[in-house]
Amino acid sequence: MTRARARGFTLIEVLLATVLLAAGLALAFATLRSATQMTGRGEAIAQRNERMRAVEGFLRKRIASAQPIAFETEAGTQRGLRFVGDARRMRFVADLPDYLGRGGPYLHELAFDGDGALTVQFAMVLAGHTIRENPARGPEPLAEGLRTVRFRYRGIDGKGGLGEWRERWETAESLPAQVEVEIASADGASWPRLVVGLAQGDGGQAGADETLQ
């Protein structure tokens, strides 16, 4: 009996214990990997949402603070251009915060570059003219990895109410009443629709002959 007790585990028992240990370790590693992946996805979603909020906050503040200041004189008509916009690009003047430059009125140019990036470019405005820096400051990306970016504009109709949304702002000597920004990521995710009211926008009512087309 003493010899039987001292012989230890059989080969089958050792193999069975090894299999059970391997199965337990595999389950533990699978659980850990799944938890890590879920954490990574959660962090990626949180970062994307934070980036969305930051970009939308920047766009809202910059567009809402647009001022009826001319940044260029149109050749031929000699009208001062204060707001120029189409579906992929818009230009307007607003005061630039000190943390972005020297402060004061700056031309803001927002554009979708076609390579999946929404960019912004600044240039100083003085006495109705745009002053380009030397060396010139290039466009800075606000958001990348985008599929589409669309700008639309809304003015005041003949009855004094809000008109229809347009993909081109034709009344360049005045500011629209509202601007809409629609953004979709390359992965198919749509950003929240952004509609901004311009504090100094007259909706195209600055002149009697101004119309929206």
C-alpha atoms as a PDB file:
ATOM      1  CA  MET A   1       0.000   0.000   0.000  1.00  0.00           C
ATOM      2  CA  THR A   2       2.899   2.316   0.753  1.00  0.00           C
ATOM      3  CA  ARG A   3       4.405   1.711  -2.688  1.00  0.00           C
ATOM      4  CA  ALA A   4       1.021   2.308  -4.421  1.00  0.00           C
ATOM      5  CA  ARG A   5       0.606   5.624  -2.658  1.00  0.00           C
ATOM      6  CA  ALA A   6       4.166   6.746  -3.485  1.00  0.00           C
ATOM      7  CA  ARG A   7       3.994   6.092  -7.201  1.00  0.00           C
ATOM      8  CA  GLY A   8       2.435   9.573  -7.925  1.00  0.00           C
ATOM      9  CA  PHE A   9       0.134  10.563 -10.831  1.00  0.00           C
ATOM     10  CA  THR A  10      -0.407   8.406 -13.865  1.00  0.00           C
ATOM     11  CA  LEU A  11       0.329   9.652 -17.377  1.00  0.00           C
ATOM     12  CA  ILE A  12      -3.378  10.001 -18.110  1.00  0.00           C
ATOM     13  CA  GLU A  13      -3.882  12.159 -15.028  1.00  0.00           C
ATOM     14  CA  VAL A  14      -0.959  14.410 -15.999  1.00  0.00           C
ATOM     15  CA  LEU A  15      -2.264  14.789 -19.550  1.00  0.00           C
ATOM     16  CA  LEU A  16      -5.755  15.553 -18.283  1.00  0.00           C
ATOM     17  CA  ALA A  17      -4.430  18.186 -15.893  1.00  0.00           C
ATOM     18  CA  THR A  18      -2.354  19.730 -18.689  1.00  0.00           C
ATOM     19  CA  VAL A  19      -5.374  19.882 -20.997  1.00  0.00           C
ATOM     20  CA  LEU A  20      -7.502  21.498 -18.314  1.00  0.00           C
ATOM     21  CA  LEU A  21      -4.749  24.022 -17.541  1.00  0.00           C
ATOM     22  CA  ALA A  22      -4.325  24.871 -21.242  1.00  0.00           C
ATOM     23  CA  ALA A  23      -8.087  25.300 -21.658  1.00  0.00           C
ATOM     24  CA  GLY A  24      -8.235  27.581 -18.646  1.00  0.00           C
ATOM     25  CA  LEU A  25      -5.325  29.700 -19.894  1.00  0.00           C
ATOM     26  CA  ALA A  26      -6.855  29.918 -23.381  1.00  0.00           C
ATOM     27  CA  LEU A  27     -10.156  31.078 -21.895  1.00  0.00           C
ATOM     28  CA  ALA A  28      -8.381  33.637 -19.715  1.00  0.00           C
ATOM     29  CA  PHE A  29      -6.351  35.012 -22.637  1.00  0.00           C
ATOM     30  CA  ALA A  30      -9.458  35.170 -24.852  1.00  0.00           C
ATOM     31  CA  THR A  31     -11.329  37.070 -22.154  1.00  0.00           C
ATOM     32  CA  LEU A  32      -8.409  39.442 -21.651  1.00  0.00           C
ATOM     33  CA  ARG A  33      -8.053  40.035 -25.394  1.00  0.00           C
ATOM     34  CA  SER A  34     -11.777  40.701 -25.767  1.00  0.00           C
ATOM     35  CA  ALA A  35     -11.722  43.129 -22.844  1.00  0.00           C
ATOM     36  CA  THR A  36      -8.681  44.910 -24.315  1.00  0.00           C
ATOM     37  CA  GLN A  37     -10.352  45.214 -27.717  1.00  0.00           C
ATOM     38  CA  MET A  38     -13.557  46.541 -26.160  1.00  0.00           C
ATOM     39  CA  THR A  39     -11.554  49.061 -24.162  1.00  0.00           C
ATOM     40  CA  GLY A  40      -9.675  50.124 -27.299  1.00  0.00           C
ATOM     41  CA  ARG A  41     -12.904  50.554 -29.251  1.00  0.00           C
ATOM     42  CA  GLY A  42     -14.422  52.512 -26.405  1.00  0.00           C
ATOM     43  CA  GLU A  43     -11.421  54.824 -26.234  1.00  0.00           C
ATOM     44  CA  ALA A  44     -11.475  55.290 -30.019  1.00  0.00           C
ATOM     45  CA  ILE A  45     -15.181  56.175 -29.932  1.00  0.00           C
ATOM     46  CA  ALA A  46     -14.620  58.570 -27.030  1.00  0.00           C
ATOM     47  CA  GLN A  47     -11.735  60.260 -28.850  1.00  0.00           C
ATOM     48  CA  ARG A  48     -13.789  60.566 -32.050  1.00  0.00           C
ATOM     49  CA  ASN A  49     -16.743  62.038 -30.159  1.00  0.00           C
ATOM     50  CA  GLU A  50     -14.448  64.480 -28.369  1.00  0.00           C
ATOM     51  CA  ARG A  51     -12.921  65.468 -31.706  1.00  0.00           C
ATOM     52  CA  MET A  52     -16.396  65.970 -33.172  1.00  0.00           C
ATOM     53  CA  ARG A  53     -17.403  68.233 -30.297  1.00  0.00           C
ATOM     54  CA  ALA A  54     -14.193  70.250 -30.579  1.00  0.00           C
ATOM     55  CA  VAL A  55     -14.560  70.758 -34.348  1.00  0.00           C
ATOM     56  CA  GLU A  56     -18.255  71.604 -34.084  1.00  0.00           C
ATOM     57  CA  GLY A  57     -17.581  74.045 -31.262  1.00  0.00           C
ATOM     58  CA  PHE A  58     -14.878  75.751 -33.315  1.00  0.00           C
ATOM     59  CA  LEU A  59     -17.101  75.968 -36.401  1.00  0.00           C
ATOM     60  CA  ARG A  60     -20.057  77.276 -34.434  1.00  0.00           C
ATOM     61  CA  LYS A  61     -18.063  80.041 -32.743  1.00  0.00           C
ATOM     62  CA  ARG A  62     -16.208  81.111 -35.874  1.00  0.00           C
ATOM     63  CA  ILE A  63     -19.240  81.163 -38.186  1.00  0.00           C
ATOM     64  CA  ALA A  64     -21.554  82.797 -35.634  1.00  0.00           C
ATOM     65  CA  SER A  65     -19.041  85.634 -35.130  1.00  0.00           C
ATOM     66  CA  ALA A  66     -18.806  86.507 -38.852  1.00  0.00           C
ATOM     67  CA  GLN A  67     -18.807  90.275 -39.408  1.00  0.00           C
ATOM     68  CA  PRO A  68     -20.002  92.366 -42.381  1.00  0.00           C
ATOM     69  CA  ILE A  69     -16.450  93.450 -43.206  1.00  0.00           C
ATOM     70  CA  ALA A  70     -15.242  93.370 -46.811  1.00  0.00           C
ATOM     71  CA  PHE A  71     -12.140  91.304 -47.464  1.00  0.00           C
ATOM     72  CA  GLU A  72     -11.924  91.903 -51.214  1.00  0.00           C
ATOM     73  CA  THR A  73     -13.330  94.168 -53.929  1.00  0.00           C
ATOM     74  CA  GLU A  74     -14.896  92.426 -56.897  1.00  0.00           C
ATOM     75  CA  ALA A  75     -13.439  93.509 -60.216  1.00  0.00           C
ATOM     76  CA  GLY A  76     -15.989  95.102 -62.525  1.00  0.00           C
ATOM     77  CA  THR A  77     -18.809  95.664 -60.039  1.00  0.00           C
ATOM     78  CA  GLN A  78     -16.505  97.129 -57.362  1.00  0.00           C
ATOM     79  CA  ARG A  79     -18.708  95.609 -54.682  1.00  0.00           C
ATOM     80  CA  GLY A  80     -17.106  94.624 -51.411  1.00  0.00           C
ATOM     81  CA  LEU A  81     -17.116  90.891 -50.809  1.00  0.00           C
ATOM     82  CA  ARG A  82     -18.165  90.093 -47.243  1.00  0.00           C
ATOM     83  CA  PHE A  83     -19.311  86.473 -47.471  1.00  0.00           C
ATOM     84  CA  VAL A  84     -18.579  84.038 -50.300  1.00  0.00           C
ATOM     85  CA  GLY A  85     -19.712  80.436 -50.068  1.00  0.00           C
ATOM     86  CA  ASP A  86     -20.584  77.337 -52.026  1.00  0.00           C
ATOM     87  CA  ALA A  87     -21.111  73.684 -51.102  1.00  0.00           C
ATOM     88  CA  ARG A  88     -17.417  72.974 -50.435  1.00  0.00           C
ATOM     89  CA  ARG A  89     -15.893  76.303 -49.426  1.00  0.00           C
ATOM     90  CA  MET A  90     -16.769  79.549 -47.698  1.00  0.00           C
ATOM     91  CA  ARG A  91     -14.965  82.750 -46.829  1.00  0.00           C
ATOM     92  CA  PHE A  92     -15.894  85.417 -44.289  1.00  0.00           C
ATOM     93  CA  VAL A  93     -14.294  87.823 -41.821  1.00  0.00           C
ATOM     94  CA  ALA A  94     -14.346  87.379 -38.052  1.00  0.00           C
ATOM     95  CA  ASP A  95     -12.173  88.488 -35.180  1.00  0.00           C
ATOM     96  CA  LEU A  96      -9.413  85.981 -34.557  1.00  0.00           C
ATOM     97  CA  PRO A  97      -8.815  84.956 -30.940  1.00  0.00           C
ATOM     98  CA  ASP A  98      -5.420  85.904 -29.559  1.00  0.00           C
ATOM     99  CA  TYR A  99      -4.443  82.259 -29.115  1.00  0.00           C
ATOM    100  CA  LEU A 100      -4.753  81.761 -32.896  1.00  0.00           C
ATOM    101  CA  GLY A 101      -2.947  84.893 -34.040  1.00  0.00           C
ATOM    102  CA  ARG A 102      -2.572  88.591 -33.396  1.00  0.00           C
ATOM    103  CA  GLY A 103      -6.287  89.217 -32.945  1.00  0.00           C
ATOM    104  CA  GLY A 104      -8.452  91.593 -34.952  1.00  0.00           C
ATOM    105  CA  PRO A 105     -10.381  90.893 -38.178  1.00  0.00           C
ATOM    106  CA  TYR A 106      -9.112  87.927 -40.175  1.00  0.00           C
ATOM    107  CA  LEU A 107     -10.371  86.242 -43.291  1.00  0.00           C
ATOM    108  CA  HIS A 108     -11.569  82.729 -42.440  1.00  0.00           C
ATOM    109  CA  GLU A 109     -11.535  80.234 -45.289  1.00  0.00           C
ATOM    110  CA  LEU A 110     -13.172  76.884 -44.553  1.00  0.00           C
ATOM    111  CA  ALA A 111     -12.869  74.230 -47.252  1.00  0.00           C
ATOM    112  CA  PHE A 112     -13.215  70.524 -47.949  1.00  0.00           C
ATOM    113  CA  ASP A 113     -10.034  69.726 -49.841  1.00  0.00           C
ATOM    114  CA  GLY A 114     -11.272  66.578 -51.584  1.00  0.00           C
ATOM    115  CA  ASP A 115      -8.626  64.432 -49.857  1.00  0.00           C
ATOM    116  CA  GLY A 116     -10.833  63.771 -46.863  1.00  0.00           C
ATOM    117  CA  ALA A 117      -9.901  66.830 -44.782  1.00  0.00           C
ATOM    118  CA  LEU A 118     -11.824  69.883 -43.603  1.00  0.00           C
ATOM    119  CA  THR A 119      -9.338  72.748 -43.421  1.00  0.00           C
ATOM    120  CA  VAL A 120      -9.242  76.334 -42.223  1.00  0.00           C
ATOM    121  CA  GLN A 121      -6.936  79.119 -43.361  1.00  0.00           C
ATOM    122  CA  PHE A 122      -6.518  82.603 -41.913  1.00  0.00           C
ATOM    123  CA  ALA A 123      -5.327  85.889 -43.396  1.00  0.00           C
ATOM    124  CA  MET A 124      -5.348  89.399 -41.939  1.00  0.00           C
ATOM    125  CA  VAL A 125      -7.880  91.894 -43.323  1.00  0.00           C
ATOM    126  CA  LEU A 126      -7.078  95.604 -43.432  1.00  0.00           C
ATOM    127  CA  ALA A 127      -9.192  98.368 -45.033  1.00  0.00           C
ATOM    128  CA  GLY A 128     -11.167  95.965 -47.180  1.00  0.00           C
ATOM    129  CA  HIS A 129      -8.150  94.038 -48.440  1.00  0.00           C
ATOM    130  CA  THR A 130      -6.669  90.689 -47.473  1.00  0.00           C
ATOM    131  CA  ILE A 131      -3.057  90.887 -46.318  1.00  0.00           C
ATOM    132  CA  ARG A 132      -1.163  87.677 -47.031  1.00  0.00           C
ATOM    133  CA  GLU A 133       1.635  86.793 -44.651  1.00  0.00           C
ATOM    134  CA  ASN A 134       5.140  86.143 -45.911  1.00  0.00           C
ATOM    135  CA  PRO A 135       5.718  83.267 -45.705  1.00  0.00           C
ATOM    136  CA  ALA A 136       2.059  82.470 -46.272  1.00  0.00           C
ATOM    137  CA  ARG A 137       0.221  80.492 -43.626  1.00  0.00           C
ATOM    138  CA  GLY A 138      -1.106  77.314 -45.203  1.00  0.00           C
ATOM    139  CA  PRO A 139      -4.417  75.574 -44.538  1.00  0.00           C
ATOM    140  CA  GLU A 140      -4.670  73.780 -41.214  1.00  0.00           C
ATOM    141  CA  PRO A 141      -6.700  70.543 -40.922  1.00  0.00           C
ATOM    142  CA  LEU A 142      -9.670  70.635 -38.579  1.00  0.00           C
ATOM    143  CA  ALA A 143     -10.814  67.067 -39.240  1.00  0.00           C
ATOM    144  CA  GLU A 144      -9.494  64.270 -41.433  1.00  0.00           C
ATOM    145  CA  GLY A 145     -10.772  60.917 -42.651  1.00  0.00           C
ATOM    146  CA  LEU A 146     -13.965  62.464 -44.020  1.00  0.00           C
ATOM    147  CA  ARG A 147     -16.082  61.326 -46.949  1.00  0.00           C
ATOM    148  CA  THR A 148     -18.099  64.497 -47.514  1.00  0.00           C
ATOM    149  CA  VAL A 149     -18.473  68.021 -46.158  1.00  0.00           C
ATOM    150  CA  ARG A 150     -21.314  70.212 -47.391  1.00  0.00           C
ATOM    151  CA  PHE A 151     -22.093  73.843 -46.617  1.00  0.00           C
ATOM    152  CA  ARG A 152     -25.520  75.373 -47.201  1.00  0.00           C
ATOM    153  CA  TYR A 153     -26.854  78.875 -46.684  1.00  0.00           C
ATOM    154  CA  ARG A 154     -30.160  80.465 -45.784  1.00  0.00           C
ATOM    155  CA  GLY A 155     -31.304  84.024 -46.246  1.00  0.00           C
ATOM    156  CA  ILE A 156     -34.440  86.079 -45.688  1.00  0.00           C
ATOM    157  CA  ASP A 157     -37.220  85.747 -48.259  1.00  0.00           C
ATOM    158  CA  GLY A 158     -39.457  88.506 -49.596  1.00  0.00           C
ATOM    159  CA  LYS A 159     -41.943  88.029 -46.752  1.00  0.00           C
ATOM    160  CA  GLY A 160     -39.371  88.525 -44.044  1.00  0.00           C
ATOM    161  CA  GLY A 161     -39.120  84.844 -43.112  1.00  0.00           C
ATOM    162  CA  LEU A 162     -36.318  82.350 -43.557  1.00  0.00           C
ATOM    163  CA  GLY A 163     -35.860  81.272 -47.149  1.00  0.00           C
ATOM    164  CA  GLU A 164     -34.870  77.910 -48.569  1.00  0.00           C
ATOM    165  CA  TRP A 165     -31.462  76.325 -48.068  1.00  0.00           C
ATOM    166  CA  ARG A 166     -29.061  77.058 -50.922  1.00  0.00           C
ATOM    167  CA  GLU A 167     -25.725  75.468 -51.810  1.00  0.00           C
ATOM    168  CA  ARG A 168     -24.340  78.788 -53.022  1.00  0.00           C
ATOM    169  CA  TRP A 169     -24.541  82.211 -51.388  1.00  0.00           C
ATOM    170  CA  GLU A 170     -24.924  84.715 -54.200  1.00  0.00           C
ATOM    171  CA  THR A 171     -25.283  87.924 -52.183  1.00  0.00           C
ATOM    172  CA  ALA A 172     -21.600  88.321 -51.421  1.00  0.00           C
ATOM    173  CA  GLU A 173     -21.939  91.874 -50.097  1.00  0.00           C
ATOM    174  CA  SER A 174     -24.056  90.686 -47.154  1.00  0.00           C
ATOM    175  CA  LEU A 175     -24.116  87.795 -44.699  1.00  0.00           C
ATOM    176  CA  PRO A 176     -26.601  84.898 -44.664  1.00  0.00           C
ATOM    177  CA  ALA A 177     -28.965  84.449 -41.754  1.00  0.00           C
ATOM    178  CA  GLN A 178     -27.928  80.828 -41.187  1.00  0.00           C
ATOM    179  CA  VAL A 179     -25.232  78.403 -42.293  1.00  0.00           C
ATOM    180  CA  GLU A 180     -25.580  74.621 -42.241  1.00  0.00           C
ATOM    181  CA  VAL A 181     -22.642  72.207 -42.087  1.00  0.00           C
ATOM    182  CA  GLU A 182     -23.080  68.512 -42.851  1.00  0.00           C
ATOM    183  CA  ILE A 183     -20.130  66.139 -42.340  1.00  0.00           C
ATOM    184  CA  ALA A 184     -19.815  62.387 -42.932  1.00  0.00           C
ATOM    185  CA  SER A 185     -16.765  60.312 -42.019  1.00  0.00           C
ATOM    186  CA  ALA A 186     -15.086  57.931 -44.443  1.00  0.00           C
ATOM    187  CA  ASP A 187     -16.260  54.991 -42.304  1.00  0.00           C
ATOM    188  CA  GLY A 188     -19.869  55.991 -42.926  1.00  0.00           C
ATOM    189  CA  ALA A 189     -20.532  57.665 -39.585  1.00  0.00           C
ATOM    190  CA  SER A 190     -22.499  60.895 -39.885  1.00  0.00           C
ATOM    191  CA  TRP A 191     -21.718  63.840 -37.657  1.00  0.00           C
ATOM    192  CA  PRO A 192     -24.581  65.706 -35.968  1.00  0.00           C
ATOM    193  CA  ARG A 193     -26.079  68.295 -38.313  1.00  0.00           C
ATOM    194  CA  LEU A 194     -24.808  71.762 -37.441  1.00  0.00           C
ATOM    195  CA  VAL A 195     -26.945  74.854 -38.043  1.00  0.00           C
ATOM    196  CA  VAL A 196     -25.425  78.199 -37.038  1.00  0.00           C
ATOM    197  CA  GLY A 197     -27.191  81.539 -36.852  1.00  0.00           C
ATOM    198  CA  LEU A 198     -24.993  84.521 -37.750  1.00  0.00           C
ATOM    199  CA  ALA A 199     -25.282  87.237 -35.124  1.00  0.00           C
ATOM    200  CA  GLN A 200     -24.731  89.999 -37.721  1.00  0.00           C
ATOM    201  CA  GLY A 201     -26.262  88.249 -40.712  1.00  0.00           C
ATOM    202  CA  ASP A 202     -28.958  90.237 -42.506  1.00  0.00           C
ATOM    203  CA  GLY A 203     -29.927  87.364 -44.783  1.00  0.00           C
ATOM    204  CA  GLY A 204     -29.257  89.265 -48.003  1.00  0.00           C
ATOM    205  CA  GLN A 205     -31.375  92.292 -47.104  1.00  0.00           C
ATOM    206  CA  ALA A 206     -28.541  94.826 -47.184  1.00  0.00           C
ATOM    207  CA  GLY A 207     -29.543  96.112 -50.655  1.00  0.00           C
ATOM    208  CA  ALA A 208     -32.829  96.347 -52.478  1.00  0.00           C
ATOM    209  CA  ASP A 209     -31.478  94.490 -55.497  1.00  0.00           C
ATOM    210  CA  GLU A 210     -29.946  91.573 -53.546  1.00  0.00           C
ATOM    211  CA  THR A 211     -31.463  88.187 -54.348  1.00  0.00           C
ATOM    212  CA  LEU A 212     -30.823  84.523 -53.581  1.00  0.00           C
ATOM    213  CA  GLN A 213     -30.600  82.213 -56.563  1.00  0.00           C
END
